[in-house]
N, C-alpha and C. Protein backbone atom coordinates (compact mmCIF):
# COMPACT_ATOMS: atom_id res chain seq x y z
N MET A 1 36.78 34.98 -0.56
CA MET A 1 37.33 33.64 -0.46
C MET A 1 37.31 33.22 1.00
N SER A 2 36.86 32.02 1.28
CA SER A 2 36.76 31.54 2.65
C SER A 2 38.08 30.91 3.09
N PHE A 3 38.29 30.89 4.40
CA PHE A 3 39.50 30.32 4.98
C PHE A 3 39.36 28.80 5.05
N SER A 4 40.42 28.10 4.73
CA SER A 4 40.42 26.64 4.80
C SER A 4 41.71 26.18 5.47
N ILE A 5 41.58 25.44 6.56
CA ILE A 5 42.76 24.91 7.24
C ILE A 5 43.48 23.88 6.36
N LYS A 6 42.72 23.15 5.53
CA LYS A 6 43.33 22.19 4.61
C LYS A 6 44.23 22.90 3.61
N LYS A 7 43.78 24.06 3.13
CA LYS A 7 44.59 24.83 2.18
C LYS A 7 45.88 25.29 2.85
N LEU A 8 45.79 25.68 4.10
CA LEU A 8 46.94 26.22 4.81
C LEU A 8 48.10 25.23 4.87
N PHE A 9 47.80 23.96 4.95
CA PHE A 9 48.86 22.96 5.10
C PHE A 9 49.05 22.08 3.87
N SER A 10 48.51 22.47 2.72
CA SER A 10 48.65 21.69 1.49
C SER A 10 49.54 22.41 0.48
N ASN A 11 50.46 21.67 -0.11
CA ASN A 11 51.34 22.21 -1.13
C ASN A 11 51.22 21.38 -2.40
N LEU A 12 51.17 22.05 -3.53
CA LEU A 12 51.07 21.40 -4.83
C LEU A 12 52.39 21.56 -5.57
N PHE A 13 52.94 20.44 -6.03
CA PHE A 13 54.11 20.43 -6.89
C PHE A 13 53.62 20.04 -8.27
N LEU A 14 53.76 20.95 -9.22
CA LEU A 14 53.14 20.80 -10.53
C LEU A 14 54.19 20.90 -11.62
N SER A 15 54.18 19.95 -12.54
CA SER A 15 55.06 19.98 -13.71
C SER A 15 54.22 20.16 -14.95
N ALA A 16 54.65 21.05 -15.81
CA ALA A 16 53.99 21.27 -17.10
C ALA A 16 54.96 20.82 -18.18
N VAL A 17 54.51 19.90 -19.02
CA VAL A 17 55.32 19.40 -20.13
C VAL A 17 54.68 19.92 -21.41
N ILE A 18 55.43 20.74 -22.14
CA ILE A 18 54.91 21.35 -23.37
C ILE A 18 55.63 20.73 -24.55
N GLU A 19 54.84 20.17 -25.45
CA GLU A 19 55.41 19.55 -26.64
C GLU A 19 54.48 19.83 -27.82
N GLY A 20 54.96 20.61 -28.75
CA GLY A 20 54.15 20.98 -29.92
C GLY A 20 52.92 21.76 -29.49
N ASN A 21 51.75 21.28 -29.88
CA ASN A 21 50.51 21.97 -29.52
C ASN A 21 49.79 21.26 -28.38
N GLU A 22 50.55 20.64 -27.50
CA GLU A 22 49.99 19.88 -26.38
C GLU A 22 50.69 20.27 -25.09
N CYS A 23 49.94 20.36 -24.01
CA CYS A 23 50.49 20.65 -22.69
C CYS A 23 49.89 19.67 -21.70
N VAL A 24 50.77 18.99 -20.95
CA VAL A 24 50.33 18.02 -19.96
C VAL A 24 50.81 18.47 -18.59
N PHE A 25 49.90 18.46 -17.61
CA PHE A 25 50.23 18.79 -16.23
C PHE A 25 50.24 17.53 -15.39
N TYR A 26 51.29 17.36 -14.61
CA TYR A 26 51.40 16.29 -13.63
C TYR A 26 51.62 16.97 -12.28
N GLY A 27 50.85 16.59 -11.29
CA GLY A 27 51.01 17.22 -10.00
C GLY A 27 50.74 16.29 -8.85
N GLN A 28 51.35 16.63 -7.71
CA GLN A 28 51.10 15.91 -6.47
C GLN A 28 50.88 16.92 -5.37
N VAL A 29 49.85 16.68 -4.58
CA VAL A 29 49.54 17.54 -3.43
C VAL A 29 50.03 16.83 -2.18
N PHE A 30 50.81 17.57 -1.39
CA PHE A 30 51.37 17.04 -0.16
C PHE A 30 50.77 17.77 1.04
N ARG A 31 50.52 17.00 2.09
CA ARG A 31 50.16 17.56 3.39
C ARG A 31 50.85 16.69 4.43
N ASN A 32 51.58 17.32 5.31
CA ASN A 32 52.34 16.61 6.36
C ASN A 32 53.26 15.54 5.78
N GLY A 33 53.87 15.84 4.65
CA GLY A 33 54.82 14.93 4.04
C GLY A 33 54.22 13.74 3.31
N LYS A 34 52.89 13.71 3.18
CA LYS A 34 52.23 12.60 2.50
C LYS A 34 51.49 13.09 1.26
N ILE A 35 51.50 12.27 0.22
CA ILE A 35 50.74 12.60 -0.98
C ILE A 35 49.26 12.37 -0.69
N ILE A 36 48.47 13.43 -0.87
CA ILE A 36 47.03 13.30 -0.61
C ILE A 36 46.20 13.38 -1.89
N LYS A 37 46.84 13.81 -2.98
CA LYS A 37 46.10 13.92 -4.24
C LYS A 37 47.09 13.94 -5.40
N ILE A 38 46.70 13.34 -6.51
CA ILE A 38 47.50 13.37 -7.74
C ILE A 38 46.67 14.07 -8.80
N ILE A 39 47.31 14.98 -9.51
CA ILE A 39 46.63 15.77 -10.54
C ILE A 39 47.23 15.45 -11.90
N ASN A 40 46.37 15.17 -12.86
CA ASN A 40 46.77 15.00 -14.26
C ASN A 40 45.79 15.80 -15.12
N ALA A 41 46.32 16.66 -15.95
CA ALA A 41 45.47 17.44 -16.85
C ALA A 41 46.20 17.54 -18.19
N LYS A 42 45.42 17.54 -19.25
CA LYS A 42 46.02 17.58 -20.59
C LYS A 42 45.24 18.52 -21.47
N PHE A 43 45.95 19.43 -22.11
CA PHE A 43 45.36 20.34 -23.08
C PHE A 43 45.93 19.95 -24.45
N THR A 44 45.05 19.69 -25.40
CA THR A 44 45.50 19.30 -26.73
C THR A 44 45.01 20.31 -27.76
N ASP A 45 45.62 20.27 -28.92
CA ASP A 45 45.26 21.18 -30.02
C ASP A 45 45.23 22.64 -29.58
N ILE A 46 46.26 23.02 -28.85
CA ILE A 46 46.36 24.40 -28.37
C ILE A 46 47.07 25.24 -29.42
N ASN A 47 46.56 26.42 -29.64
CA ASN A 47 47.22 27.36 -30.54
C ASN A 47 48.50 27.84 -29.85
N ILE A 48 49.62 27.71 -30.51
CA ILE A 48 50.91 28.07 -29.92
C ILE A 48 50.97 29.54 -29.50
N ASP A 49 50.13 30.39 -30.12
CA ASP A 49 50.13 31.81 -29.78
C ASP A 49 49.52 32.09 -28.42
N ASN A 50 48.63 31.22 -27.91
CA ASN A 50 48.01 31.49 -26.62
C ASN A 50 48.24 30.37 -25.60
N ILE A 51 49.21 29.51 -25.85
CA ILE A 51 49.47 28.40 -24.94
C ILE A 51 49.87 28.90 -23.55
N TYR A 52 50.65 29.96 -23.47
CA TYR A 52 51.11 30.45 -22.18
C TYR A 52 49.96 31.06 -21.38
N GLU A 53 49.01 31.68 -22.03
CA GLU A 53 47.83 32.20 -21.34
C GLU A 53 47.05 31.08 -20.70
N LYS A 54 46.87 29.97 -21.40
CA LYS A 54 46.13 28.83 -20.86
C LYS A 54 46.88 28.20 -19.69
N ILE A 55 48.20 28.11 -19.79
CA ILE A 55 49.00 27.55 -18.70
C ILE A 55 48.88 28.40 -17.45
N ILE A 56 49.04 29.70 -17.60
CA ILE A 56 48.95 30.60 -16.46
C ILE A 56 47.57 30.58 -15.84
N LYS A 57 46.53 30.54 -16.65
CA LYS A 57 45.16 30.47 -16.14
C LYS A 57 44.95 29.20 -15.32
N TYR A 58 45.45 28.06 -15.82
CA TYR A 58 45.31 26.80 -15.10
C TYR A 58 46.04 26.86 -13.76
N ILE A 59 47.26 27.41 -13.76
CA ILE A 59 48.04 27.51 -12.52
C ILE A 59 47.35 28.45 -11.54
N GLU A 60 46.82 29.56 -12.00
CA GLU A 60 46.10 30.47 -11.12
C GLU A 60 44.89 29.81 -10.47
N GLU A 61 44.20 28.95 -11.21
CA GLU A 61 43.07 28.21 -10.63
C GLU A 61 43.54 27.26 -9.53
N GLN A 62 44.68 26.62 -9.75
CA GLN A 62 45.22 25.71 -8.75
C GLN A 62 45.67 26.46 -7.49
N GLU A 63 46.20 27.68 -7.66
CA GLU A 63 46.67 28.47 -6.52
C GLU A 63 45.55 28.80 -5.53
N LYS A 64 44.33 28.80 -5.98
CA LYS A 64 43.20 29.10 -5.10
C LYS A 64 42.97 27.99 -4.08
N ALA A 65 43.42 26.78 -4.39
CA ALA A 65 43.12 25.63 -3.54
C ALA A 65 44.27 25.22 -2.61
N TYR A 66 45.49 25.73 -2.84
CA TYR A 66 46.64 25.26 -2.08
C TYR A 66 47.45 26.43 -1.55
N PHE A 67 48.13 26.17 -0.41
CA PHE A 67 48.95 27.20 0.22
C PHE A 67 50.15 27.56 -0.65
N GLY A 68 50.86 26.54 -1.10
CA GLY A 68 52.03 26.76 -1.95
C GLY A 68 51.89 25.98 -3.24
N VAL A 69 52.19 26.62 -4.35
CA VAL A 69 52.18 25.94 -5.64
C VAL A 69 53.56 26.12 -6.25
N TYR A 70 54.23 25.01 -6.51
CA TYR A 70 55.57 25.02 -7.06
C TYR A 70 55.49 24.44 -8.46
N VAL A 71 56.00 25.18 -9.44
CA VAL A 71 55.80 24.81 -10.84
C VAL A 71 57.15 24.61 -11.53
N SER A 72 57.23 23.54 -12.32
CA SER A 72 58.37 23.35 -13.22
C SER A 72 57.80 23.19 -14.62
N VAL A 73 58.53 23.70 -15.59
CA VAL A 73 58.07 23.64 -16.99
C VAL A 73 59.15 22.94 -17.81
N PHE A 74 58.72 21.98 -18.60
CA PHE A 74 59.63 21.26 -19.49
C PHE A 74 59.14 21.40 -20.92
N PHE A 75 60.09 21.69 -21.81
CA PHE A 75 59.78 21.84 -23.22
C PHE A 75 60.30 20.62 -23.97
N ASN A 76 60.01 20.52 -25.23
CA ASN A 76 60.44 19.41 -26.07
C ASN A 76 61.93 19.60 -26.39
N ASP A 77 62.78 19.25 -25.44
CA ASP A 77 64.21 19.45 -25.59
C ASP A 77 64.93 18.30 -24.87
N ASP A 78 65.86 17.66 -25.53
CA ASP A 78 66.57 16.52 -24.95
C ASP A 78 67.44 16.88 -23.76
N SER A 79 67.78 18.16 -23.59
CA SER A 79 68.66 18.54 -22.49
C SER A 79 67.91 18.74 -21.18
N GLN A 80 66.60 18.56 -21.18
CA GLN A 80 65.80 18.72 -19.97
C GLN A 80 65.34 17.36 -19.46
N GLY A 81 65.09 17.31 -18.16
CA GLY A 81 64.60 16.05 -17.60
C GLY A 81 64.21 16.24 -16.16
N ALA A 82 63.60 15.20 -15.60
CA ALA A 82 63.17 15.23 -14.22
C ALA A 82 63.44 13.88 -13.58
N LEU A 83 63.63 13.87 -12.28
CA LEU A 83 63.80 12.62 -11.56
C LEU A 83 62.43 12.05 -11.21
N PRO A 84 62.21 10.77 -11.46
CA PRO A 84 60.89 10.18 -11.23
C PRO A 84 60.66 9.76 -9.79
N THR A 85 60.68 10.71 -8.86
CA THR A 85 60.49 10.39 -7.45
C THR A 85 59.84 11.54 -6.70
N ALA A 86 59.21 11.21 -5.61
CA ALA A 86 58.59 12.24 -4.77
C ALA A 86 59.15 12.19 -3.37
N ASN A 87 60.05 11.26 -3.09
CA ASN A 87 60.62 11.12 -1.77
C ASN A 87 62.10 11.46 -1.80
N PHE A 88 62.55 12.25 -0.82
CA PHE A 88 63.94 12.66 -0.77
C PHE A 88 64.87 11.45 -0.66
N ASP A 89 64.46 10.42 0.07
CA ASP A 89 65.29 9.23 0.27
C ASP A 89 65.55 8.47 -1.02
N GLU A 90 64.75 8.69 -2.05
CA GLU A 90 64.90 7.97 -3.31
C GLU A 90 65.90 8.62 -4.26
N TYR A 91 66.44 9.80 -3.93
CA TYR A 91 67.41 10.47 -4.82
C TYR A 91 68.71 9.71 -4.85
């Protein structure tokens, strides 16, 4: 694997939303406090028996490109939620 200065200073914040046989990834890549890339990926018709293998494989692929990868996982449950913001000042 080659060294990349861009990788050194890039962090990915990734959310995985799992509902039934579908998994959706939403992500934002930050460098120097600015969003430099937005990631959206969707897996449909996934067999529930191997859904976690596919999720882990996808995350491992993302880890190759970024210094830090931070992951949150949400399931189909009303007691879970996320704040719709990427800036600390918006909390």
